[in-house]
Amino acid sequence: MRLVFALVLALVLAFPLSVWADAEGPEITVVRSASCECCRQWEQHLAAAGFRINDQISDSLDPTQAFCHTASVAGYRIDGHVPAASVQRLLAERPDIQGVAVPGMPIGSPGMEMEGIDPDPFVVMAIAHDGTTQVVERY
């Protein structure tokens, strides 16, 4: 199991981000720590859905947050392992909010899939301009 995970991880890390940038969809800027491997898998998930990835490394992410990376697309904030379908819905509906988030790092969310382990249920939260949150989707 560990060997399979290591091989999959090596393939993901070898996949050049410049290829991801060739997508024709909206550009999403992802800010992550250099040591975050699940963030690269989340980027691959977004790229497969047609997003153009602008990968940014930062050592100043707040470790107290409930997510391991943050992103921005079309003026919206995207925190954590938000599914591409939820980001696409956000862009289609254009609600008057700051963005969306998936708190924590739930197993089974995009970038956090683990072979042989059942996914955890998780929610996508809308982040209002005043910082309050509300569940908008359940996975």
N, C-alpha and C. Protein backbone atom coordinates (compact mmCIF):
# COMPACT_ATOMS: atom_id res chain seq x y z
N MET A 1 0.83 -1.19 0.00
CA MET A 1 0.00 0.00 0.00
C MET A 1 0.87 1.26 0.00
N ARG A 2 1.88 1.28 0.88
CA ARG A 2 2.75 2.46 0.95
C ARG A 2 3.52 2.64 -0.35
N LEU A 3 3.95 1.52 -0.95
CA LEU A 3 4.68 1.60 -2.21
C LEU A 3 3.81 2.17 -3.31
N VAL A 4 2.55 1.72 -3.38
CA VAL A 4 1.63 2.24 -4.39
C VAL A 4 1.41 3.72 -4.18
N PHE A 5 1.18 4.13 -2.93
CA PHE A 5 0.99 5.55 -2.63
C PHE A 5 2.23 6.35 -3.02
N ALA A 6 3.42 5.83 -2.71
CA ALA A 6 4.66 6.53 -3.04
C ALA A 6 4.82 6.67 -4.56
N LEU A 7 4.46 5.62 -5.30
CA LEU A 7 4.56 5.68 -6.76
C LEU A 7 3.58 6.69 -7.34
N VAL A 8 2.36 6.69 -6.83
CA VAL A 8 1.36 7.65 -7.30
C VAL A 8 1.81 9.07 -6.97
N LEU A 9 2.32 9.27 -5.77
CA LEU A 9 2.81 10.58 -5.37
C LEU A 9 3.96 11.03 -6.26
N ALA A 10 4.87 10.13 -6.60
CA ALA A 10 5.99 10.47 -7.47
C ALA A 10 5.50 10.88 -8.85
N LEU A 11 4.49 10.20 -9.36
CA LEU A 11 3.94 10.56 -10.66
C LEU A 11 3.29 11.94 -10.62
N VAL A 12 2.56 12.20 -9.55
CA VAL A 12 1.91 13.51 -9.42
C VAL A 12 2.95 14.62 -9.36
N LEU A 13 4.00 14.40 -8.60
CA LEU A 13 5.04 15.43 -8.47
C LEU A 13 5.82 15.61 -9.76
N ALA A 14 5.91 14.57 -10.56
CA ALA A 14 6.63 14.66 -11.83
C ALA A 14 5.81 15.34 -12.91
N PHE A 15 4.48 15.41 -12.72
CA PHE A 15 3.60 16.00 -13.72
C PHE A 15 3.86 17.49 -13.76
N PRO A 16 4.36 18.02 -14.86
CA PRO A 16 4.77 19.44 -14.88
C PRO A 16 3.59 20.39 -14.80
N LEU A 17 3.73 21.41 -13.95
CA LEU A 17 2.68 22.41 -13.82
C LEU A 17 2.50 23.20 -15.10
N SER A 18 3.53 23.29 -15.93
CA SER A 18 3.38 24.01 -17.19
C SER A 18 2.35 23.34 -18.08
N VAL A 19 2.21 22.01 -17.99
CA VAL A 19 1.18 21.32 -18.76
C VAL A 19 -0.19 21.70 -18.23
N TRP A 20 -0.31 21.83 -16.90
CA TRP A 20 -1.58 22.23 -16.31
C TRP A 20 -1.98 23.60 -16.79
N ALA A 21 -1.00 24.46 -17.01
CA ALA A 21 -1.29 25.83 -17.42
C ALA A 21 -1.85 25.88 -18.84
N ASP A 22 -1.75 24.80 -19.59
CA ASP A 22 -2.26 24.77 -20.97
C ASP A 22 -3.77 24.61 -21.04
N ALA A 23 -4.43 24.38 -19.92
CA ALA A 23 -5.89 24.24 -19.92
C ALA A 23 -6.52 25.54 -20.41
N GLU A 24 -7.75 25.46 -20.85
CA GLU A 24 -8.41 26.64 -21.41
C GLU A 24 -9.41 27.29 -20.46
N GLY A 25 -9.61 26.74 -19.29
CA GLY A 25 -10.58 27.27 -18.35
C GLY A 25 -10.04 28.44 -17.55
N PRO A 26 -10.76 28.81 -16.50
CA PRO A 26 -10.34 29.95 -15.68
C PRO A 26 -9.01 29.68 -14.99
N GLU A 27 -8.22 30.74 -14.81
CA GLU A 27 -6.97 30.59 -14.07
C GLU A 27 -7.27 30.65 -12.58
N ILE A 28 -6.70 29.71 -11.85
CA ILE A 28 -6.81 29.69 -10.39
C ILE A 28 -5.41 29.76 -9.82
N THR A 29 -5.19 30.71 -8.93
CA THR A 29 -3.89 30.87 -8.28
C THR A 29 -3.94 30.14 -6.95
N VAL A 30 -3.05 29.18 -6.79
CA VAL A 30 -2.99 28.36 -5.59
C VAL A 30 -1.75 28.75 -4.80
N VAL A 31 -1.93 29.09 -3.53
CA VAL A 31 -0.82 29.42 -2.64
C VAL A 31 -0.71 28.29 -1.63
N ARG A 32 0.47 27.66 -1.62
CA ARG A 32 0.67 26.50 -0.77
C ARG A 32 2.09 26.51 -0.22
N SER A 33 2.31 25.69 0.78
CA SER A 33 3.65 25.51 1.32
C SER A 33 4.41 24.58 0.37
N ALA A 34 5.71 24.73 0.31
CA ALA A 34 6.53 23.90 -0.57
C ALA A 34 6.47 22.43 -0.17
N SER A 35 6.20 22.16 1.09
CA SER A 35 6.20 20.78 1.56
C SER A 35 4.83 20.09 1.45
N CYS A 36 3.84 20.78 0.94
CA CYS A 36 2.48 20.23 0.90
C CYS A 36 2.27 19.41 -0.37
N GLU A 37 2.21 18.11 -0.22
CA GLU A 37 2.03 17.23 -1.37
C GLU A 37 0.55 17.07 -1.75
N CYS A 38 -0.34 17.09 -0.77
CA CYS A 38 -1.76 16.94 -1.09
C CYS A 38 -2.27 18.13 -1.90
N CYS A 39 -1.63 19.29 -1.72
CA CYS A 39 -2.01 20.47 -2.49
C CYS A 39 -1.72 20.27 -3.97
N ARG A 40 -0.63 19.61 -4.28
CA ARG A 40 -0.30 19.32 -5.68
C ARG A 40 -1.35 18.38 -6.28
N GLN A 41 -1.81 17.44 -5.48
CA GLN A 41 -2.86 16.52 -5.96
C GLN A 41 -4.16 17.29 -6.18
N TRP A 42 -4.47 18.25 -5.31
CA TRP A 42 -5.66 19.09 -5.50
C TRP A 42 -5.52 19.91 -6.78
N GLU A 43 -4.33 20.45 -7.03
CA GLU A 43 -4.09 21.19 -8.26
C GLU A 43 -4.33 20.30 -9.48
N GLN A 44 -3.89 19.05 -9.41
CA GLN A 44 -4.09 18.12 -10.52
C GLN A 44 -5.59 17.87 -10.73
N HIS A 45 -6.35 17.75 -9.65
CA HIS A 45 -7.80 17.59 -9.72
C HIS A 45 -8.43 18.78 -10.45
N LEU A 46 -8.01 19.99 -10.10
CA LEU A 46 -8.54 21.20 -10.74
C LEU A 46 -8.14 21.26 -12.21
N ALA A 47 -6.90 20.91 -12.50
CA ALA A 47 -6.43 20.92 -13.89
C ALA A 47 -7.23 19.94 -14.74
N ALA A 48 -7.54 18.77 -14.19
CA ALA A 48 -8.33 17.78 -14.91
C ALA A 48 -9.73 18.31 -15.21
N ALA A 49 -10.20 19.26 -14.41
CA ALA A 49 -11.52 19.87 -14.63
C ALA A 49 -11.42 21.10 -15.55
N GLY A 50 -10.22 21.40 -16.05
CA GLY A 50 -10.07 22.47 -17.02
C GLY A 50 -9.52 23.78 -16.50
N PHE A 51 -9.21 23.86 -15.21
CA PHE A 51 -8.65 25.09 -14.67
C PHE A 51 -7.18 25.23 -15.07
N ARG A 52 -6.75 26.47 -15.30
CA ARG A 52 -5.34 26.77 -15.52
C ARG A 52 -4.73 27.07 -14.15
N ILE A 53 -3.68 26.37 -13.79
CA ILE A 53 -3.09 26.46 -12.45
C ILE A 53 -1.92 27.43 -12.43
N ASN A 54 -1.98 28.39 -11.51
CA ASN A 54 -0.87 29.29 -11.22
C ASN A 54 -0.40 28.90 -9.82
N ASP A 55 0.62 28.07 -9.75
CA ASP A 55 1.11 27.50 -8.50
C ASP A 55 2.08 28.47 -7.84
N GLN A 56 1.79 28.88 -6.60
CA GLN A 56 2.63 29.81 -5.85
C GLN A 56 3.05 29.17 -4.53
N ILE A 57 4.33 29.24 -4.22
CA ILE A 57 4.87 28.69 -2.98
C ILE A 57 4.99 29.84 -1.97
N SER A 58 4.57 29.58 -0.74
CA SER A 58 4.68 30.59 0.32
C SER A 58 5.01 29.92 1.64
N ASP A 59 5.90 30.54 2.40
CA ASP A 59 6.22 30.05 3.74
C ASP A 59 5.43 30.81 4.80
N SER A 60 4.49 31.66 4.37
CA SER A 60 3.77 32.50 5.33
C SER A 60 2.31 32.08 5.52
N LEU A 61 1.97 30.83 5.15
CA LEU A 61 0.60 30.37 5.41
C LEU A 61 0.40 30.21 6.91
N ASP A 62 -0.75 30.60 7.39
CA ASP A 62 -1.08 30.55 8.81
C ASP A 62 -1.35 29.11 9.23
N PRO A 63 -0.49 28.52 10.07
CA PRO A 63 -0.67 27.11 10.46
C PRO A 63 -1.89 26.87 11.35
N THR A 64 -2.54 27.93 11.83
CA THR A 64 -3.72 27.75 12.68
C THR A 64 -5.00 27.62 11.86
N GLN A 65 -4.92 27.84 10.55
CA GLN A 65 -6.11 27.74 9.72
C GLN A 65 -6.55 26.29 9.60
N ALA A 66 -7.78 26.10 9.17
CA ALA A 66 -8.34 24.75 9.04
C ALA A 66 -8.16 24.21 7.63
N PHE A 67 -7.16 24.69 6.92
CA PHE A 67 -6.88 24.22 5.56
C PHE A 67 -5.39 24.37 5.30
N CYS A 68 -4.89 23.64 4.30
CA CYS A 68 -3.45 23.63 4.05
C CYS A 68 -3.03 24.48 2.87
N HIS A 69 -3.97 25.04 2.14
CA HIS A 69 -3.64 25.93 1.03
C HIS A 69 -4.82 26.87 0.80
N THR A 70 -4.56 27.92 0.09
CA THR A 70 -5.62 28.85 -0.29
C THR A 70 -5.45 29.17 -1.77
N ALA A 71 -6.52 29.58 -2.38
CA ALA A 71 -6.47 29.88 -3.81
C ALA A 71 -7.40 31.05 -4.09
N SER A 72 -7.26 31.60 -5.29
CA SER A 72 -8.18 32.64 -5.73
C SER A 72 -8.49 32.43 -7.20
N VAL A 73 -9.76 32.69 -7.53
CA VAL A 73 -10.22 32.57 -8.91
C VAL A 73 -11.36 33.56 -9.10
N ALA A 74 -11.25 34.39 -10.11
CA ALA A 74 -12.30 35.36 -10.47
C ALA A 74 -12.77 36.20 -9.28
N GLY A 75 -11.84 36.56 -8.40
CA GLY A 75 -12.17 37.40 -7.26
C GLY A 75 -12.68 36.65 -6.04
N TYR A 76 -12.77 35.34 -6.12
CA TYR A 76 -13.22 34.51 -5.00
C TYR A 76 -12.04 33.83 -4.33
N ARG A 77 -12.18 33.60 -3.04
CA ARG A 77 -11.21 32.87 -2.23
C ARG A 77 -11.65 31.41 -2.14
N ILE A 78 -10.72 30.49 -2.30
CA ILE A 78 -11.00 29.06 -2.21
C ILE A 78 -10.02 28.49 -1.20
N ASP A 79 -10.51 28.00 -0.06
CA ASP A 79 -9.65 27.49 1.00
C ASP A 79 -9.84 25.99 1.17
N GLY A 80 -8.74 25.26 1.15
CA GLY A 80 -8.79 23.83 1.40
C GLY A 80 -9.13 23.01 0.16
N HIS A 81 -9.50 21.78 0.38
CA HIS A 81 -9.70 20.79 -0.69
C HIS A 81 -11.11 20.85 -1.27
N VAL A 82 -11.47 21.99 -1.81
CA VAL A 82 -12.78 22.21 -2.41
C VAL A 82 -12.84 21.47 -3.75
N PRO A 83 -13.87 20.65 -3.97
CA PRO A 83 -13.99 19.96 -5.25
C PRO A 83 -14.14 20.95 -6.42
N ALA A 84 -13.59 20.56 -7.56
CA ALA A 84 -13.68 21.40 -8.76
C ALA A 84 -15.12 21.71 -9.11
N ALA A 85 -16.02 20.75 -8.92
CA ALA A 85 -17.44 20.98 -9.22
C ALA A 85 -18.01 22.12 -8.38
N SER A 86 -17.57 22.24 -7.14
CA SER A 86 -18.04 23.32 -6.27
C SER A 86 -17.48 24.66 -6.73
N VAL A 87 -16.23 24.68 -7.20
CA VAL A 87 -15.63 25.91 -7.71
C VAL A 87 -16.35 26.32 -9.00
N GLN A 88 -16.64 25.35 -9.85
CA GLN A 88 -17.37 25.64 -11.10
C GLN A 88 -18.76 26.19 -10.80
N ARG A 89 -19.42 25.61 -9.79
CA ARG A 89 -20.75 26.11 -9.39
C ARG A 89 -20.65 27.55 -8.90
N LEU A 90 -19.64 27.83 -8.08
CA LEU A 90 -19.41 29.18 -7.57
C LEU A 90 -19.26 30.17 -8.73
N LEU A 91 -18.48 29.80 -9.73
CA LEU A 91 -18.24 30.68 -10.87
C LEU A 91 -19.48 30.84 -11.74
N ALA A 92 -20.30 29.81 -11.81
CA ALA A 92 -21.54 29.89 -12.61
C ALA A 92 -22.60 30.74 -11.92
N GLU A 93 -22.71 30.61 -10.59
CA GLU A 93 -23.77 31.30 -9.85
C GLU A 93 -23.36 32.69 -9.39
N ARG A 94 -22.07 32.94 -9.19
CA ARG A 94 -21.54 34.25 -8.77
C ARG A 94 -22.25 34.85 -7.55
N PRO A 95 -22.33 34.11 -6.44
CA PRO A 95 -22.97 34.69 -5.25
C PRO A 95 -22.12 35.82 -4.67
N ASP A 96 -22.74 36.67 -3.87
CA ASP A 96 -22.05 37.80 -3.25
C ASP A 96 -21.43 37.34 -1.93
N ILE A 97 -20.33 36.60 -2.05
CA ILE A 97 -19.60 36.07 -0.90
C ILE A 97 -18.10 36.24 -1.15
N GLN A 98 -17.29 36.00 -0.08
CA GLN A 98 -15.83 36.03 -0.24
C GLN A 98 -15.35 34.81 -1.02
N GLY A 99 -15.94 33.65 -0.70
CA GLY A 99 -15.48 32.42 -1.34
C GLY A 99 -16.04 31.21 -0.65
N VAL A 100 -15.34 30.08 -0.85
CA VAL A 100 -15.77 28.81 -0.28
C VAL A 100 -14.59 28.10 0.35
N ALA A 101 -14.90 27.18 1.27
CA ALA A 101 -13.84 26.45 1.97
C ALA A 101 -14.30 25.05 2.34
N VAL A 102 -13.33 24.16 2.40
CA VAL A 102 -13.52 22.84 3.00
C VAL A 102 -12.58 22.82 4.21
N PRO A 103 -13.15 22.92 5.42
CA PRO A 103 -12.32 22.93 6.62
C PRO A 103 -11.63 21.59 6.84
N GLY A 104 -10.45 21.64 7.42
CA GLY A 104 -9.71 20.43 7.71
C GLY A 104 -9.17 19.81 6.43
N MET A 105 -8.79 18.59 6.54
CA MET A 105 -8.27 17.85 5.39
C MET A 105 -8.96 16.50 5.35
N PRO A 106 -10.27 16.49 5.03
CA PRO A 106 -11.02 15.24 5.11
C PRO A 106 -10.54 14.20 4.09
N ILE A 107 -10.37 12.99 4.56
CA ILE A 107 -9.99 11.88 3.70
C ILE A 107 -11.08 11.71 2.64
N GLY A 108 -10.65 11.63 1.38
CA GLY A 108 -11.60 11.46 0.28
C GLY A 108 -11.92 12.75 -0.44
N SER A 109 -11.59 13.90 0.15
CA SER A 109 -11.78 15.16 -0.58
C SER A 109 -10.70 15.22 -1.66
N PRO A 110 -10.89 16.02 -2.70
CA PRO A 110 -9.90 16.05 -3.79
C PRO A 110 -8.49 16.36 -3.27
N GLY A 111 -7.56 15.50 -3.62
CA GLY A 111 -6.19 15.62 -3.15
C GLY A 111 -5.92 14.83 -1.89
N MET A 112 -6.97 14.37 -1.24
CA MET A 112 -6.83 13.61 0.00
C MET A 112 -7.36 12.17 -0.14
N GLU A 113 -7.50 11.71 -1.38
CA GLU A 113 -7.97 10.35 -1.60
C GLU A 113 -6.87 9.37 -1.19
N MET A 114 -7.27 8.28 -0.54
CA MET A 114 -6.32 7.26 -0.13
C MET A 114 -6.89 5.90 -0.47
N GLU A 115 -6.15 5.17 -1.28
CA GLU A 115 -6.59 3.86 -1.72
C GLU A 115 -6.85 2.95 -0.52
N GLY A 116 -7.99 2.29 -0.55
CA GLY A 116 -8.34 1.34 0.51
C GLY A 116 -8.95 1.97 1.74
N ILE A 117 -9.09 3.28 1.75
CA ILE A 117 -9.68 3.96 2.91
C ILE A 117 -10.95 4.65 2.46
N ASP A 118 -12.04 4.37 3.16
CA ASP A 118 -13.32 4.98 2.82
C ASP A 118 -13.26 6.49 3.04
N PRO A 119 -13.87 7.26 2.13
CA PRO A 119 -13.85 8.73 2.29
C PRO A 119 -14.70 9.17 3.48
N ASP A 120 -14.27 10.24 4.10
CA ASP A 120 -15.05 10.87 5.16
C ASP A 120 -16.08 11.79 4.51
N PRO A 121 -17.25 11.93 5.12
CA PRO A 121 -18.16 12.97 4.62
C PRO A 121 -17.53 14.34 4.93
N PHE A 122 -17.78 15.30 4.05
CA PHE A 122 -17.28 16.65 4.31
C PHE A 122 -18.22 17.67 3.71
N VAL A 123 -18.04 18.92 4.10
CA VAL A 123 -18.91 20.00 3.63
C VAL A 123 -18.09 21.08 2.95
N VAL A 124 -18.76 21.80 2.06
CA VAL A 124 -18.21 23.02 1.48
C VAL A 124 -18.97 24.17 2.14
N MET A 125 -18.21 25.10 2.68
CA MET A 125 -18.78 26.25 3.38
C MET A 125 -18.66 27.50 2.53
N ALA A 126 -19.72 28.30 2.47
CA ALA A 126 -19.64 29.63 1.87
C ALA A 126 -19.07 30.57 2.92
N ILE A 127 -18.18 31.45 2.53
CA ILE A 127 -17.60 32.43 3.44
C ILE A 127 -18.20 33.79 3.08
N ALA A 128 -19.02 34.32 3.98
CA ALA A 128 -19.65 35.63 3.76
C ALA A 128 -18.62 36.75 3.91
N HIS A 129 -18.97 37.94 3.48
CA HIS A 129 -18.06 39.08 3.57
C HIS A 129 -17.72 39.43 5.01
N ASP A 130 -18.60 39.10 5.96
CA ASP A 130 -18.32 39.37 7.37
C ASP A 130 -17.55 38.23 8.04
N GLY A 131 -17.17 37.20 7.26
CA GLY A 131 -16.40 36.09 7.79
C GLY A 131 -17.22 34.92 8.31
N THR A 132 -18.53 35.10 8.42
CA THR A 132 -19.36 33.98 8.86
C THR A 132 -19.43 32.93 7.75
N THR A 133 -19.76 31.71 8.14
CA THR A 133 -19.81 30.62 7.16
C THR A 133 -21.15 29.90 7.22
N GLN A 134 -21.46 29.27 6.11
CA GLN A 134 -22.70 28.50 6.00
C GLN A 134 -22.46 27.33 5.06
N VAL A 135 -22.96 26.16 5.43
CA VAL A 135 -22.81 24.98 4.58
C VAL A 135 -23.60 25.17 3.29
N VAL A 136 -22.95 24.95 2.14
CA VAL A 136 -23.63 25.07 0.86
C VAL A 136 -23.67 23.75 0.09
N GLU A 137 -22.76 22.83 0.43
CA GLU A 137 -22.75 21.52 -0.21
C GLU A 137 -22.23 20.48 0.75
N ARG A 138 -22.73 19.27 0.58
CA ARG A 138 -22.26 18.12 1.38
C ARG A 138 -21.79 17.03 0.43
N TYR A 139 -20.64 16.46 0.76
CA TYR A 139 -20.10 15.35 -0.02
C TYR A 139 -19.98 14.13 0.89
